[in-house]
């Protein structure tokens, strides 16, 4: 199978983590997040509308810079004014231009939960998210084996974080459920063809238990896309590029955040 951009990024982060000398077990005794909860903010029970996770994203490996000089705090406040329930912040610097400072700045500027979006491959990465002020941490099933994913989910919950597990197919979804995850995001973009397939994403979540919160990721460009995701049974959407590049960011978020939830089979 052909390599993807994710493969090279995973290699980079595993090498980084292997050089990290910090004792995560010692750190875990003193790290605990206390603040607004991400899981509660996007749960279906929190209201009749689709919840928007709006992303602070400076660049992407495929498209280059989206906004090299964006003001993370100002952007996050625009998102909240538009009705975003959660702010996602990319902290990967080599590939996405993000930083720890971006997340800490955003966490100190808004009252809604903040998700750390990065390539988490160690316990120290999970603990870093809590120390930065994140309410949740992204865990990508495509780069983690089942034991790793289970350990990181358990550690995240232990220190007060909401782990959002990203999956791409049914096999990864089974692994995510086995890890104890209760927030599952389906990346609608195929990692090999880079094409967006909403129908495939809907199939992936079709048989999830009723207590799982479902997040649609990638390829959501219009309110109509959000409506389709809602009808497929998603509770929330994670959107970055469209918001960052909009000339009216709060209004664009608002158009997505006013879409009603669809009914789903539980």
Protein backbone atom coordinates (compact mmCIF):
# COMPACT_ATOMS: atom_id res chain seq x y z
CA UNK A 1 0.00 0.00 0.00
CA UNK A 2 1.36 3.42 -0.95
CA UNK A 3 2.69 5.64 1.80
CA UNK A 4 0.69 8.71 2.80
CA UNK A 5 1.59 12.08 4.26
CA UNK A 6 0.52 10.66 7.62
CA UNK A 7 3.23 8.00 7.48
CA UNK A 8 6.09 10.50 7.36
CA UNK A 9 4.51 12.66 10.05
CA UNK A 10 4.13 9.61 12.30
CA UNK A 11 7.81 8.74 11.85
CA UNK A 12 8.81 12.28 12.78
CA UNK A 13 6.72 12.29 15.96
CA UNK A 14 7.79 8.82 17.08
CA UNK A 15 11.42 9.87 16.79
CA UNK A 16 10.60 13.03 18.76
CA UNK A 17 8.83 11.04 21.48
CA UNK A 18 11.66 8.51 21.71
CA UNK A 19 14.05 11.34 22.65
CA UNK A 20 11.77 12.71 25.38
CA UNK A 21 13.52 12.03 28.73
CA UNK A 22 10.58 12.98 30.96
CA UNK A 23 9.12 10.39 33.33
CA UNK A 24 5.44 10.38 32.43
CA UNK A 25 4.42 8.32 35.48
CA UNK A 26 5.94 10.92 37.77
CA UNK A 27 4.37 13.76 35.79
CA UNK A 28 0.93 12.14 35.85
CA UNK A 29 0.77 12.50 39.63
CA UNK A 30 0.75 16.28 39.31
CA UNK A 31 -1.16 16.89 36.09
CA UNK A 32 -4.93 17.31 36.02
CA UNK A 33 -7.17 19.41 33.81
CA UNK A 34 -9.99 21.30 35.50
CA UNK A 35 -12.19 23.43 33.33
CA UNK A 36 -15.04 23.27 30.79
CA UNK A 37 -15.52 19.74 29.51
CA UNK A 38 -15.23 19.00 25.82
CA UNK A 39 -17.34 15.86 25.96
CA UNK A 40 -20.24 17.73 27.55
CA UNK A 41 -19.97 20.62 25.08
CA UNK A 42 -20.53 18.42 22.03
CA UNK A 43 -22.83 15.75 23.46
CA UNK A 44 -26.18 15.36 21.73
CA UNK A 45 -27.87 16.10 25.05
CA UNK A 46 -26.33 19.59 25.12
CA UNK A 47 -28.79 21.05 22.63
CA UNK A 48 -30.75 20.56 19.39
CA UNK A 49 -28.08 21.90 17.03
CA UNK A 50 -24.97 20.39 15.47
CA UNK A 51 -21.95 21.33 17.58
CA UNK A 52 -19.10 23.03 15.77
CA UNK A 53 -15.46 22.38 16.63
CA UNK A 54 -13.69 25.28 14.91
CA UNK A 55 -10.00 24.90 14.23
CA UNK A 56 -7.07 27.27 14.54
CA UNK A 57 -4.99 26.07 11.59
CA UNK A 58 -2.11 28.02 10.07
CA UNK A 59 -1.13 25.66 7.26
CA UNK A 60 -1.55 22.16 5.86
CA UNK A 61 1.00 19.82 4.29
CA UNK A 62 -0.99 19.70 1.04
CA UNK A 63 -2.01 23.36 0.63
CA UNK A 64 0.72 25.27 2.39
CA UNK A 65 -0.03 28.39 4.42
CA UNK A 66 -3.68 29.22 5.01
CA UNK A 67 -2.89 32.23 7.19
CA UNK A 68 0.73 32.42 8.27
CA UNK A 69 0.22 35.48 10.44
CA UNK A 70 -3.14 34.71 12.04
CA UNK A 71 -3.81 35.93 15.57
CA UNK A 72 -4.83 32.75 17.39
CA UNK A 73 -6.68 34.53 20.21
CA UNK A 74 -8.60 36.84 17.87
CA UNK A 75 -9.51 33.96 15.58
CA UNK A 76 -10.76 31.86 18.50
CA UNK A 77 -12.91 34.72 19.76
CA UNK A 78 -14.41 35.12 16.28
CA UNK A 79 -15.24 31.43 16.31
CA UNK A 80 -16.96 31.69 19.69
CA UNK A 81 -18.97 34.71 18.53
CA UNK A 82 -20.15 32.57 15.64
CA UNK A 83 -21.35 29.84 18.00
CA UNK A 84 -18.46 27.36 18.08
CA UNK A 85 -18.86 24.92 20.96
CA UNK A 86 -15.17 23.93 21.02
CA UNK A 87 -11.95 25.38 19.62
CA UNK A 88 -9.43 22.95 18.12
CA UNK A 89 -5.81 24.08 17.97
CA UNK A 90 -3.13 22.42 15.87
CA UNK A 91 0.10 22.39 17.85
CA UNK A 92 2.28 20.52 15.34
CA UNK A 93 4.89 23.02 14.13
CA UNK A 94 6.93 21.28 11.39
CA UNK A 95 3.94 20.25 9.29
CA UNK A 96 1.10 22.61 10.28
CA UNK A 97 2.84 25.70 11.62
CA UNK A 98 1.18 25.40 15.02
CA UNK A 99 2.66 25.65 18.48
CA UNK A 100 2.12 25.16 22.18
CA UNK A 101 1.85 28.94 22.43
CA UNK A 102 -1.13 28.94 20.07
CA UNK A 103 -3.03 26.55 22.34
CA UNK A 104 -2.10 28.29 25.56
CA UNK A 105 -3.10 31.65 24.06
CA UNK A 106 -6.45 30.32 22.90
CA UNK A 107 -7.16 28.56 26.21
CA UNK A 108 -6.59 31.84 28.00
CA UNK A 109 -8.80 33.81 25.60
CA UNK A 110 -12.07 31.85 25.44
CA UNK A 111 -14.39 30.16 27.89
CA UNK A 112 -15.25 27.15 25.71
CA UNK A 113 -13.29 23.86 25.80
CA UNK A 114 -10.14 23.56 23.70
CA UNK A 115 -9.00 20.45 21.83
CA UNK A 116 -5.31 19.80 21.26
CA UNK A 117 -4.99 18.47 17.72
CA UNK A 118 -1.60 16.91 17.12
CA UNK A 119 0.03 13.55 16.51
CA UNK A 120 -0.10 12.00 19.96
CA UNK A 121 2.26 9.01 20.19
CA UNK A 122 3.25 8.92 23.87
CA UNK A 123 1.96 9.38 27.38
CA UNK A 124 3.95 12.60 27.66
CA UNK A 125 2.02 13.98 24.67
CA UNK A 126 -1.24 13.36 26.52
CA UNK A 127 0.06 15.06 29.66
CA UNK A 128 1.36 17.99 27.62
CA UNK A 129 -2.18 18.60 26.36
CA UNK A 130 -3.47 18.92 29.92
CA UNK A 131 -0.60 21.20 30.92
CA UNK A 132 -1.30 23.48 27.96
CA UNK A 133 -4.87 23.99 29.11
CA UNK A 134 -6.59 21.70 26.62
CA UNK A 135 -9.85 20.03 27.59
CA UNK A 136 -9.40 17.25 25.06
CA UNK A 137 -6.74 15.44 23.07
CA UNK A 138 -6.94 13.96 19.58
CA UNK A 139 -5.86 10.32 19.23
CA UNK A 140 -5.50 9.04 15.66
CA UNK A 141 -6.25 5.33 15.39
CA UNK A 142 -4.37 5.07 12.09
CA UNK A 143 -1.04 5.71 13.82
CA UNK A 144 -1.64 3.86 17.09
CA UNK A 145 -1.94 0.15 17.78
CA UNK A 146 -4.74 -1.12 20.01
CA UNK A 147 -2.70 -1.27 23.26
CA UNK A 148 -1.31 2.24 22.70
CA UNK A 149 -4.72 3.68 22.01
CA UNK A 150 -6.21 2.03 25.10
CA UNK A 151 -3.38 3.38 27.29
CA UNK A 152 -3.71 6.93 26.00
CA UNK A 153 -7.50 6.93 26.32
CA UNK A 154 -7.20 5.71 29.92
CA UNK A 155 -4.51 8.26 30.78
CA UNK A 156 -6.48 11.11 29.21
CA UNK A 157 -9.54 10.23 31.27
CA UNK A 158 -7.39 9.87 34.39
CA UNK A 159 -6.09 13.44 34.10
CA UNK A 160 -9.48 14.93 33.24
CA UNK A 161 -9.23 15.14 29.43
CA UNK A 162 -11.79 14.08 26.84
CA UNK A 163 -10.06 11.81 24.29
CA UNK A 164 -11.40 12.24 20.76
CA UNK A 165 -10.42 9.17 18.73
CA UNK A 166 -10.17 9.70 14.98
CA UNK A 167 -10.97 6.75 12.71
CA UNK A 168 -11.13 6.20 8.97
CA UNK A 169 -12.77 2.79 8.62
CA UNK A 170 -14.67 0.01 10.38
CA UNK A 171 -11.51 -1.74 11.63
CA UNK A 172 -10.25 1.41 13.34
CA UNK A 173 -13.73 2.02 14.74
CA UNK A 174 -13.71 -1.40 16.41
CA UNK A 175 -10.30 -0.61 17.93
CA UNK A 176 -11.58 2.77 19.13
CA UNK A 177 -14.58 1.18 20.82
CA UNK A 178 -12.33 -1.43 22.42
CA UNK A 179 -10.18 1.34 23.88
CA UNK A 180 -13.10 2.76 25.84
CA UNK A 181 -13.47 5.87 23.70
CA UNK A 182 -16.82 7.64 23.84
CA UNK A 183 -15.99 10.45 21.40
CA UNK A 184 -15.28 9.15 17.89
CA UNK A 185 -14.42 11.34 14.94
CA UNK A 186 -14.65 9.97 11.41
CA UNK A 187 -12.21 11.53 8.98
CA UNK A 188 -14.13 11.66 5.71
CA UNK A 189 -10.92 12.01 3.68
CA UNK A 190 -9.34 8.81 2.41
CA UNK A 191 -5.67 8.84 3.44
CA UNK A 192 -4.58 7.19 0.19
CA UNK A 193 -6.71 8.90 -2.47
CA UNK A 194 -7.28 12.12 -0.45
CA UNK A 195 -10.86 12.12 -1.72
CA UNK A 196 -13.74 13.02 0.60
CA UNK A 197 -16.49 10.42 0.85
CA UNK A 198 -19.38 11.42 3.18
CA UNK A 199 -21.27 8.25 2.31
CA UNK A 200 -18.40 6.12 3.58
CA UNK A 201 -18.27 8.14 6.80
CA UNK A 202 -21.97 7.56 7.36
CA UNK A 203 -21.45 3.82 6.92
CA UNK A 204 -18.62 3.83 9.47
CA UNK A 205 -20.82 5.29 12.23
CA UNK A 206 -24.02 3.45 11.34
CA UNK A 207 -23.63 0.74 13.99
CA UNK A 208 -22.05 2.76 16.80
CA UNK A 209 -23.68 2.39 20.24
CA UNK A 210 -26.07 5.13 21.25
CA UNK A 211 -23.79 6.58 23.92
CA UNK A 212 -21.05 7.45 21.43
CA UNK A 213 -20.71 11.09 20.38
CA UNK A 214 -19.94 11.22 16.65
CA UNK A 215 -17.84 13.91 14.98
CA UNK A 216 -17.52 14.41 11.22
CA UNK A 217 -14.06 15.60 10.14
CA UNK A 218 -12.73 16.90 6.80
CA UNK A 219 -14.52 17.95 3.65
CA UNK A 220 -17.20 20.11 5.28
CA UNK A 221 -17.27 23.30 3.22
CA UNK A 222 -20.88 24.50 3.36
CA UNK A 223 -23.92 24.44 5.64
CA UNK A 224 -25.39 21.87 3.25
CA UNK A 225 -22.44 19.58 4.00
CA UNK A 226 -23.17 19.97 7.72
CA UNK A 227 -26.84 19.17 7.12
CA UNK A 228 -25.86 15.96 5.33
CA UNK A 229 -23.59 15.03 8.23
CA UNK A 230 -26.41 15.68 10.69
CA UNK A 231 -28.82 13.53 8.70
CA UNK A 232 -26.22 10.75 8.68
CA UNK A 233 -26.20 10.80 12.49
CA UNK A 234 -23.23 13.00 13.37
CA UNK A 235 -23.49 15.16 16.48
CA UNK A 236 -20.63 17.55 15.73
CA UNK A 237 -18.37 18.69 12.93
CA UNK A 238 -14.69 19.67 13.02
CA UNK A 239 -13.83 22.36 10.48
CA UNK A 240 -10.62 24.29 9.91
CA UNK A 241 -9.65 25.49 6.45
CA UNK A 242 -13.04 26.94 5.48
CA UNK A 243 -13.20 29.04 8.64
CA UNK A 244 -9.58 30.20 8.59
CA UNK A 245 -9.80 31.37 4.97
CA UNK A 246 -13.24 33.00 5.29
CA UNK A 247 -13.50 36.77 5.01
CA UNK A 248 -16.26 36.71 7.63
CA UNK A 249 -15.24 34.03 10.07
CA UNK A 250 -17.92 34.46 12.73
CA UNK A 251 -20.69 34.47 10.11
CA UNK A 252 -19.31 31.35 8.44
CA UNK A 253 -19.18 29.52 11.76
CA UNK A 254 -22.71 30.71 12.54
CA UNK A 255 -24.05 29.21 9.30
CA UNK A 256 -22.68 25.82 10.38
CA UNK A 257 -23.65 26.15 14.04
CA UNK A 258 -27.34 26.81 13.32
CA UNK A 259 -27.90 23.45 11.58
CA UNK A 260 -30.24 21.19 13.50
CA UNK A 261 -29.34 17.69 14.61
CA UNK A 262 -30.77 14.85 12.56
CA UNK A 263 -32.41 11.77 13.97
CA UNK A 264 -30.21 8.72 14.26
CA UNK A 265 -30.53 5.02 14.84
CA UNK A 266 -29.30 4.14 18.34
